[in-house]
Protein backbone atom coordinates (compact mmCIF):
# COMPACT_ATOMS: atom_id res chain seq x y z
CA MET A 1 -32.31 6.83 33.56
CA PHE A 2 -33.02 10.57 34.28
CA ALA A 3 -35.93 12.12 32.88
CA ALA A 4 -35.31 15.45 31.29
CA PRO A 5 -38.07 17.21 29.66
CA TRP A 6 -36.60 20.74 30.27
CA VAL A 7 -33.27 19.96 28.05
CA CYS A 8 -33.88 21.67 24.88
CA ARG A 9 -33.00 19.96 21.71
CA SER A 10 -30.08 22.32 20.71
CA CYS A 11 -28.04 21.37 23.88
CA ALA A 12 -29.41 17.89 24.20
CA ARG A 13 -26.48 16.48 21.95
CA SER A 14 -23.94 17.75 24.35
CA VAL A 15 -25.46 16.36 27.42
CA LEU A 16 -25.86 12.93 25.74
CA THR A 17 -21.94 12.70 25.21
CA ARG A 18 -21.34 13.57 28.71
CA ARG A 19 -23.30 11.15 30.48
CA THR A 20 -21.46 8.26 31.95
CA VAL A 21 -22.59 4.71 30.87
CA SER A 22 -25.31 3.33 32.32
CA GLN A 23 -26.06 -0.50 33.20
CA PHE A 24 -28.89 -0.24 31.09
CA GLY A 25 -26.82 1.10 28.09
CA ARG A 26 -24.29 -1.69 28.71
CA ARG A 27 -26.77 -4.69 28.21
CA TYR A 28 -27.57 -3.05 24.82
CA ALA A 29 -23.83 -2.62 23.96
CA SER A 30 -23.38 -6.35 24.81
CA ASN A 31 -25.84 -6.95 21.52
CA ALA A 32 -24.72 -4.27 19.19
CA SER A 33 -22.78 -5.22 16.32
CA ALA A 34 -21.81 -1.68 15.12
CA GLY A 35 -18.11 -1.19 15.28
CA ALA A 36 -17.50 -4.65 16.29
CA VAL A 37 -13.72 -6.02 16.41
CA PRO A 38 -12.70 -9.49 16.77
CA PRO A 39 -11.76 -10.62 19.95
CA VAL A 40 -8.50 -11.75 19.17
CA LEU A 41 -7.59 -8.52 17.59
CA LEU A 42 -9.01 -6.36 20.41
CA GLU A 43 -6.87 -8.41 23.01
CA ARG A 44 -3.78 -7.66 21.15
CA ALA A 45 -4.97 -4.04 21.04
CA ARG A 46 -5.17 -3.88 24.72
CA ARG A 47 -1.84 -5.56 25.14
CA ILE A 48 0.16 -3.11 23.13
CA ALA A 49 -1.72 -0.11 24.76
CA THR A 50 -0.97 -1.61 28.10
CA GLU A 51 2.79 -1.79 26.79
CA ASN A 52 2.65 1.91 25.39
CA SER A 53 1.35 3.31 28.74
CA GLN A 54 4.10 1.50 30.77
CA LEU A 55 6.69 2.66 28.61
CA LYS A 56 5.29 6.04 28.87
CA GLN A 57 5.82 5.85 32.50
CA ALA A 58 9.12 4.37 32.38
CA LEU A 59 10.52 7.21 30.10
CA GLU A 60 9.43 9.81 32.62
CA ALA A 61 11.61 8.37 35.23
CA GLU A 62 14.90 7.65 32.71
CA PHE A 63 15.27 8.21 28.93
CA ASP A 64 15.94 5.25 26.64
CA THR A 65 16.11 5.16 23.19
CA LYS A 66 14.69 1.93 22.31
CA ALA A 67 11.78 2.51 24.60
CA ALA A 68 11.42 5.75 22.94
CA LYS A 69 11.16 4.28 19.62
CA ARG A 70 8.80 1.51 20.83
CA VAL A 71 6.33 4.16 22.26
CA GLY A 72 6.38 5.66 18.83
CA GLU A 73 5.54 2.40 17.26
CA THR A 74 2.58 1.56 19.47
CA GLN A 75 1.15 4.96 19.69
CA SER A 76 -1.09 4.62 16.64
CA VAL A 77 -2.76 1.55 18.37
CA ALA A 78 -3.24 3.01 21.58
CA THR A 79 -4.96 5.98 20.04
CA ALA A 80 -7.11 4.10 18.10
CA LEU A 81 -7.99 1.73 20.97
CA SER A 82 -9.01 4.93 23.00
CA GLU A 83 -10.78 6.36 20.41
CA TRP A 84 -12.65 3.31 19.85
CA GLU A 85 -13.72 2.67 23.43
CA GLU A 86 -15.07 6.18 23.97
CA ALA A 87 -17.31 6.00 20.91
CA GLN A 88 -18.34 2.27 22.28
CA ASN A 89 -19.45 3.90 25.76
CA ALA A 90 -21.36 6.93 23.86
CA ALA A 91 -23.10 4.24 21.65
CA ALA A 92 -24.05 2.14 24.88
CA GLU A 93 -25.38 5.21 26.47
CA LEU A 94 -27.34 6.36 23.57
CA ARG A 95 -29.08 2.78 22.95
CA GLY A 96 -29.92 2.69 26.60
CA MET A 97 -31.61 6.34 26.33
CA ALA A 98 -33.22 5.43 23.05
CA GLY A 99 -34.96 2.33 24.43
CA ALA A 100 -35.56 3.46 28.05
CA ARG A 101 -39.50 4.36 28.25
CA ASP A 102 -39.33 6.61 31.12
CA GLU A 103 -36.99 8.89 28.90
CA ASP A 104 -38.85 12.16 27.32
CA ALA A 105 -40.25 11.18 24.01
CA GLU A 106 -38.10 13.88 22.46
CA LEU A 107 -35.03 12.98 24.00
CA ARG A 108 -35.52 9.45 22.76
CA GLU A 109 -36.04 10.42 19.11
CA LEU A 110 -32.60 12.53 19.39
CA ALA A 111 -30.56 9.68 20.84
CA ARG A 112 -31.79 7.54 18.05
CA ASP A 113 -30.60 10.06 15.52
CA GLU A 114 -27.38 10.44 17.47
CA LEU A 115 -27.09 6.73 17.70
CA GLU A 116 -27.08 6.31 14.08
CA ALA A 117 -23.95 8.76 13.45
CA THR A 118 -22.21 6.89 16.19
CA GLU A 119 -22.51 3.65 15.01
CA ALA A 120 -21.36 4.70 11.55
CA ARG A 121 -18.18 6.33 13.41
CA LEU A 122 -17.79 3.07 15.24
CA ASP A 123 -17.57 1.08 12.17
CA GLU A 124 -14.91 3.52 10.82
CA LEU A 125 -12.98 3.29 14.10
CA ALA A 126 -13.25 -0.44 14.27
CA THR A 127 -11.58 -0.62 11.04
CA ALA A 128 -8.98 2.04 11.78
CA LEU A 129 -8.10 0.06 14.91
CA SER A 130 -7.72 -3.41 13.17
CA ALA A 131 -5.76 -1.22 10.75
CA SER A 132 -3.11 0.10 13.35
CA LEU A 133 -2.71 -3.52 14.35
CA THR A 134 -1.44 -5.05 11.13
CA PRO A 135 2.44 -4.95 10.48
CA LYS A 136 4.30 -2.18 8.94
CA HIS A 137 5.53 -2.75 5.75
CA PRO A 138 9.49 -3.26 5.90
CA PHE A 139 9.66 -0.71 2.85
CA GLY A 140 6.42 1.28 3.51
CA ASP A 141 8.27 4.60 4.39
CA MET A 142 10.44 4.77 1.47
CA PRO A 143 10.65 5.59 -1.99
CA CYS A 144 9.95 3.64 -4.53
CA LEU A 145 10.85 2.72 -8.40
CA LEU A 146 8.33 1.70 -10.82
CA GLU A 147 9.76 -0.59 -13.52
CA MET A 148 7.82 -1.31 -16.50
CA ARG A 149 8.25 -3.96 -19.35
CA PRO A 150 6.05 -4.90 -21.94
CA GLY A 151 4.51 -8.32 -21.84
CA PRO A 152 2.58 -10.53 -24.28
CA GLY A 153 1.28 -8.71 -27.20
CA GLY A 154 4.11 -7.69 -29.65
CA LEU A 155 4.74 -4.11 -30.66
CA GLU A 156 1.30 -3.20 -29.29
CA GLY A 157 2.41 -4.09 -25.85
CA ARG A 158 5.20 -1.73 -25.73
CA PHE A 159 2.75 0.94 -26.77
CA PHE A 160 0.91 0.32 -24.01
CA THR A 161 3.80 -0.02 -21.79
CA ASP A 162 4.59 3.38 -22.75
CA SER A 163 1.04 4.55 -21.91
CA LEU A 164 1.37 3.15 -18.25
CA PHE A 165 4.75 5.36 -18.10
CA ARG A 166 2.73 8.35 -19.03
CA MET A 167 -0.06 7.59 -16.77
CA TYR A 168 2.30 7.33 -13.69
CA GLN A 169 4.01 10.40 -14.73
CA ASN A 170 1.00 12.50 -15.25
CA TYR A 171 -0.48 11.10 -11.63
CA CYS A 172 2.63 12.35 -10.13
CA SER A 173 2.56 15.52 -11.38
CA ARG A 174 -1.04 15.97 -10.41
CA GLN A 175 -0.56 14.68 -6.76
CA GLY A 176 2.53 16.88 -6.43
CA TYR A 177 5.02 13.84 -6.31
CA LYS A 178 8.59 14.08 -7.06
CA ALA A 179 9.46 11.91 -9.75
CA ARG A 180 12.39 11.51 -12.03
CA VAL A 181 13.28 9.17 -14.95
CA VAL A 182 15.77 6.87 -14.29
CA LYS A 183 15.33 4.62 -17.47
CA TYR A 184 13.62 5.06 -20.78
CA GLU A 185 14.63 2.50 -23.45
CA THR A 186 12.78 2.06 -26.59
CA SER A 187 12.80 -0.22 -29.47
CA ASP A 188 15.45 -0.14 -32.09
CA ALA A 189 12.72 0.20 -34.66
CA ILE A 190 12.51 4.14 -34.96
CA GLY A 191 9.41 5.68 -36.19
CA ASP A 192 6.72 3.29 -34.89
CA THR A 193 4.06 4.97 -33.03
CA GLY A 194 0.97 3.69 -31.01
CA THR A 195 -2.69 4.96 -30.91
CA ASP A 196 -1.94 7.62 -28.89
CA GLY A 197 1.43 8.44 -30.20
CA GLU A 198 3.19 6.18 -27.79
CA ALA A 199 6.73 5.01 -28.71
CA ALA A 200 7.93 1.59 -28.74
CA LEU A 201 9.02 0.93 -25.37
CA GLN A 202 11.14 -1.74 -24.29
CA GLU A 203 11.92 -0.76 -20.58
CA ALA A 204 11.00 2.16 -18.18
CA VAL A 205 12.20 2.87 -14.73
CA LEU A 206 10.45 5.86 -12.98
CA GLU A 207 11.60 6.66 -9.34
CA ILE A 208 9.14 8.48 -6.86
CA LEU A 209 11.27 10.39 -4.54
CA ASP A 210 8.88 11.05 -1.78
CA VAL A 211 9.02 9.14 1.47
CA GLY A 212 6.10 6.34 1.58
CA ALA A 213 6.21 6.23 -2.00
CA TYR A 214 6.24 2.61 -2.05
CA ASP A 215 3.44 2.06 0.10
CA LEU A 216 1.27 4.41 -1.91
CA PHE A 217 2.15 2.63 -5.13
CA ARG A 218 3.02 -0.72 -3.90
CA GLY A 219 -0.62 -1.96 -5.21
CA GLU A 220 0.38 -1.48 -8.78
CA ALA A 221 2.51 -4.03 -9.28
CA GLY A 222 1.67 -7.00 -11.39
CA ILE A 223 0.23 -7.70 -14.97
CA HIS A 224 -1.65 -4.63 -16.49
CA ARG A 225 -3.90 -5.87 -19.45
CA VAL A 226 -5.07 -3.52 -22.35
CA GLN A 227 -7.82 -4.37 -24.90
CA ARG A 228 -8.20 -1.86 -27.71
CA VAL A 229 -7.68 -1.58 -31.42
CA PRO A 230 -4.12 -0.84 -32.56
CA ALA A 231 -3.19 1.68 -34.83
CA THR A 232 -1.86 -0.74 -37.00
CA GLU A 233 -4.97 -2.78 -37.24
CA SER A 234 -6.62 -2.22 -40.60
CA LYS A 235 -10.07 -4.52 -39.81
CA GLY A 236 -11.02 -2.57 -36.62
CA ARG A 237 -10.24 -5.61 -34.46
CA THR A 238 -9.69 -5.52 -30.95
CA HIS A 239 -6.40 -6.73 -29.48
CA THR A 240 -5.29 -7.56 -26.00
CA SER A 241 -1.68 -7.40 -24.69
CA ALA A 242 -0.08 -6.52 -21.33
CA ALA A 243 2.53 -4.88 -19.32
CA ALA A 244 4.27 -5.89 -16.31
CA VAL A 245 4.91 -3.36 -13.20
CA TRP A 246 7.21 -4.12 -10.77
CA VAL A 247 7.10 -1.72 -7.45
CA LEU A 248 10.58 -1.67 -5.90
CA PRO A 249 11.77 0.14 -2.63
CA SER A 250 14.38 2.98 -3.47
CA PHE A 251 17.01 3.53 -0.94
CA PRO A 252 16.91 7.44 0.12
CA ASP A 253 20.25 8.80 -0.15
CA MET A 254 20.56 10.52 3.25
CA PRO A 255 23.13 9.61 6.06
CA GLU A 256 20.16 9.60 8.83
CA ALA A 257 18.48 6.32 6.93
CA ASP A 258 17.75 3.63 9.56
CA LYS A 259 20.51 1.00 9.58
CA GLU A 260 18.35 -1.70 8.84
CA ASN A 261 18.03 -0.37 5.19
CA SER A 262 21.46 0.72 4.76
CA TYR A 263 23.21 -0.83 2.05
CA ASP A 264 26.63 -0.95 3.78
CA ASP A 265 25.15 -3.03 6.48
CA PRO A 266 25.55 -6.72 5.79
CA GLU A 267 22.38 -7.54 7.59
CA SER A 268 20.37 -5.13 5.53
CA LEU A 269 18.14 -6.46 2.49
CA PHE A 270 19.63 -3.92 0.47
CA TYR A 271 23.47 -5.05 1.10
CA ILE A 272 25.31 -6.58 -2.12
CA SER A 273 28.73 -7.61 -1.58
CA PRO A 274 30.72 -5.99 -4.57
CA ALA A 275 32.69 -9.15 -4.86
CA ASP A 276 29.49 -10.54 -6.14
CA VAL A 277 28.82 -8.16 -8.81
CA ARG A 278 30.37 -8.42 -12.28
CA THR A 279 31.00 -4.70 -13.79
CA GLU A 280 31.03 -4.53 -17.58
CA THR A 281 31.28 -0.96 -19.36
CA MET A 282 30.04 -0.69 -23.18
CA ARG A 283 29.06 1.65 -26.13
CA ALA A 284 25.84 3.00 -25.70
CA ARG A 285 23.50 1.80 -28.52
CA GLY A 286 20.53 3.72 -30.44
CA ALA A 287 20.37 7.53 -31.38
CA GLY A 288 22.74 9.57 -29.77
CA GLY A 289 25.34 10.77 -32.44
CA GLN A 290 29.26 10.84 -31.92
CA HIS A 291 28.90 10.26 -27.94
CA VAL A 292 27.32 6.83 -28.55
CA ASN A 293 29.99 5.77 -31.00
CA LYS A 294 33.32 6.78 -29.07
CA THR A 295 32.16 6.82 -25.50
CA GLU A 296 31.88 3.59 -23.47
CA SER A 297 29.28 5.26 -20.76
CA ALA A 298 26.74 2.13 -20.89
CA ILE A 299 27.04 0.12 -17.49
CA ARG A 300 25.83 -3.72 -16.94
CA LEU A 301 26.03 -5.22 -13.51
CA THR A 302 25.39 -8.82 -12.94
CA HIS A 303 24.69 -10.20 -9.61
CA ILE A 304 26.37 -13.43 -9.89
CA PRO A 305 24.75 -15.38 -7.30
CA THR A 306 21.02 -14.65 -8.76
CA GLY A 307 22.07 -13.84 -12.28
CA THR A 308 20.06 -10.34 -11.68
CA VAL A 309 20.97 -8.31 -15.02
CA VAL A 310 20.86 -4.26 -14.96
CA SER A 311 21.78 -2.27 -17.82
CA ILE A 312 21.50 1.57 -17.93
CA GLN A 313 22.80 3.92 -20.95
CA ASP A 314 20.36 6.51 -20.24
CA SER A 315 23.06 9.34 -19.14
CA ARG A 316 26.42 10.11 -21.14
CA SER A 317 28.18 10.12 -17.91
CA GLN A 318 29.24 6.40 -17.17
CA HIS A 319 29.51 7.55 -13.27
CA ALA A 320 25.86 8.33 -13.24
CA ASN A 321 25.00 5.12 -15.48
CA ARG A 322 26.77 3.09 -12.46
CA ASP A 323 24.93 4.81 -9.87
CA ALA A 324 21.40 4.35 -11.37
CA ALA A 325 22.32 0.90 -12.06
CA TRP A 326 23.47 0.13 -8.49
CA LYS A 327 20.12 1.54 -7.28
CA ILE A 328 17.84 -0.79 -9.32
CA LEU A 329 19.92 -3.70 -8.43
CA ARG A 330 19.82 -3.23 -4.86
CA ALA A 331 16.02 -2.58 -5.24
CA ARG A 332 15.35 -5.80 -7.28
CA ILE A 333 17.71 -7.69 -4.72
CA ALA A 334 15.87 -6.19 -1.61
CA GLU A 335 12.59 -7.14 -3.20
CA LYS A 336 13.63 -10.75 -3.93
CA ARG A 337 14.94 -11.18 -0.28
CA ARG A 338 11.81 -9.71 0.97
CA GLU A 339 9.59 -11.85 -0.78
CA GLU A 340 11.49 -15.06 -0.12
CA ARG A 341 11.07 -14.32 3.45
CA GLU A 342 7.40 -13.40 3.24
CA GLU A 343 7.02 -16.89 1.27
CA ALA A 344 8.75 -18.62 4.13
CA ALA A 345 6.52 -16.90 6.58
CA ARG A 346 3.37 -17.46 4.62
CA GLN A 347 3.82 -21.42 4.83
CA LEU A 348 3.59 -21.13 8.44
CA ARG A 349 0.09 -19.50 8.03
CA ASP A 350 -3.57 -20.67 7.37
CA ALA A 351 -4.65 -21.15 3.79
CA VAL A 352 -6.51 -17.83 3.87
CA LEU A 353 -3.24 -16.03 3.73
CA HIS A 354 -2.12 -17.67 0.25
CA LYS A 355 -5.43 -16.39 -1.16
CA SER A 356 -4.79 -12.74 -0.15
CA GLN A 357 -1.46 -12.41 -1.51
CA VAL A 358 -0.85 -10.85 -5.07
CA THR A 359 2.26 -11.78 -7.05
CA ARG A 360 3.96 -10.23 -9.64
CA SER A 361 2.25 -12.83 -12.33
CA ASP A 362 -1.23 -12.06 -11.39
CA LYS A 363 -3.65 -9.91 -13.67
CA ILE A 364 -4.30 -7.13 -11.71
CA ARG A 365 -6.19 -4.27 -13.85
CA THR A 366 -7.67 -4.20 -17.48
CA TYR A 367 -8.16 -1.04 -19.47
CA ASN A 368 -10.70 -1.60 -22.15
CA TYR A 369 -10.71 1.21 -24.56
CA SER A 370 -13.93 0.37 -26.40
CA GLN A 371 -16.07 0.19 -23.28
CA ASP A 372 -14.19 3.30 -21.68
CA ARG A 373 -13.76 1.16 -18.66
CA VAL A 374 -11.11 0.39 -16.27
CA THR A 375 -11.56 -2.72 -13.72
CA ASP A 376 -9.43 -3.45 -11.06
CA HIS A 377 -9.45 -7.43 -10.64
CA ARG A 378 -8.82 -7.56 -7.18
CA CYS A 379 -11.01 -5.09 -5.60
CA GLY A 380 -13.64 -5.60 -8.13
CA LEU A 381 -14.04 -1.49 -9.09
CA ASP A 382 -15.46 -0.70 -12.40
CA VAL A 383 -14.56 3.14 -13.29
CA HIS A 384 -15.15 5.05 -16.70
CA ASN A 385 -13.77 7.96 -18.27
CA LEU A 386 -10.54 5.87 -19.17
CA PRO A 387 -8.78 9.03 -20.81
CA ASP A 388 -9.10 10.74 -17.43
CA VAL A 389 -7.26 7.49 -15.98
CA MET A 390 -4.35 7.45 -18.55
CA ASN A 391 -3.86 11.23 -17.85
CA GLY A 392 -3.49 10.43 -14.23
CA GLY A 393 -6.79 12.32 -12.97
CA GLU A 394 -9.32 11.92 -10.21
CA THR A 395 -10.69 8.77 -11.68
CA LEU A 396 -7.18 7.20 -11.11
CA SER A 397 -7.20 8.28 -7.83
CA LYS A 398 -10.23 6.58 -7.22
CA VAL A 399 -8.78 3.25 -8.38
CA PHE A 400 -5.60 3.99 -6.27
CA ASP A 401 -7.90 4.55 -3.03
CA ALA A 402 -9.91 1.33 -3.46
CA VAL A 403 -6.91 -0.93 -3.95
CA HIS A 404 -5.66 0.93 -0.91
CA THR A 405 -8.91 0.06 1.12
CA TRP A 406 -8.38 -3.85 -0.63
CA GLN A 407 -4.70 -4.00 0.87
CA ARG A 408 -5.96 -2.91 4.15
CA GLU A 409 -8.80 -5.58 4.44
CA ARG A 410 -6.60 -8.24 3.25
CA ASP A 411 -3.94 -7.03 5.57
CA ILE A 412 -6.59 -7.33 8.39
CA GLU A 413 -7.83 -10.67 7.09
CA ALA A 414 -4.10 -11.68 7.59
CA LEU A 415 -3.52 -10.85 10.94
CA LEU A 416 -6.82 -12.29 12.31
CA ALA A 417 -5.82 -15.54 10.91
CA GLU A 418 -2.56 -15.22 12.23
CA GLU A 419 -3.49 -14.21 15.72
CA GLU A 420 -6.50 -16.80 15.84
CA SER A 421 -3.83 -19.56 14.69
CA GLN A 422 -1.85 -18.65 17.71
CA ASP A 423 -4.39 -18.39 20.05
CA LYS A 424 -5.66 -22.13 19.02
CA ASP A 425 -1.68 -23.20 19.37
CA THR A 426 -1.81 -21.49 22.62
CA THR A 427 -4.92 -23.14 24.06
CA LYS A 428 -3.63 -26.78 22.60
CA SER A 429 -0.34 -26.22 24.86
CA LYS A 430 -2.50 -25.43 27.85
CA GLY A 431 -4.85 -28.52 27.04
CA LYS A 432 -1.45 -30.66 27.11
CA LYS A 433 -0.09 -29.48 30.42
């Protein structure tokens, strides 16, 4: 190591980052746990980075569409690996300087300060590298449909479903997401209102039109439970009710959409043969005057193979109702097919994957009004200021962020389990040979 008493504190940091990794630093790096990446994932990252580099070289000689697409798919891994390795090298050098007795005392102190910050960044880069390796969700880049229906709890369950509907509307408005109401159907019993003036909602579908909305909202799928005193409760007792939320992919109406997500391609998850769908027209029911009584604008589609039924009457136009019904039907069937494929894949994986999978029947969150508390049962987060949550404010954003972190950790665990399983299979195969 170099003794450098002449290096001033203001410029020493740049000197530290420019030094090459010494052998002394490498010895410290081998014992360091900061920013560690599981060996099987690190090996996978290096394979992908090598592939990325080779494809780039090939593209310089001759352009190929598939190769260019693959470069785009692997670039995030290559970048994350490069940043992690660079930080690892810097940390190794800093450990060497911090532990070298022949270094200037002031420089050693500075190295220790810098090392603490570098190791903190290493942890972030290690997580980012692992996350970059997780398979991309097939619907992750698509818009989405939030479908809400009341669960157990009778009329109070319907009121709470309307509260959730308003919560998501407010959240989209605050975050600048484009949202439109595809379906909003209330109970025939007109005049009933909930604690905060909610309607007795039977079913609602909210479409978030932004690209990538599915990935942003997919953590909301599941059972949302509420604990509060209903407006109709005379003795002040707390009731428990629930609402179910589905998050479905919404096919973007654009000609340049990927063929694999096209509803015209028989190989697509979104494809439905018109011969498999029974279409019925009927008069809309509920409030609406002469239009409801005289016009058969309501549409009901039934997917015969699965028994899936979609009814839409929100618009006075039969054509608009038909388009909306087909959009929801395609989304439901696509989600069902994806779940079936994932279930088949999960059966081949380690048991840890089963524990990390969240299904629609799971209770994911509780909204406790008397305690002014919202609890997400997956990531274990408790937040207060429930009114701000229901208004789609910053407190709800904190919940979304925590759920996204939880999802990322589960994805990494699943990937690690799969890689370790494949590694064991490979080792057994080599042993037999």
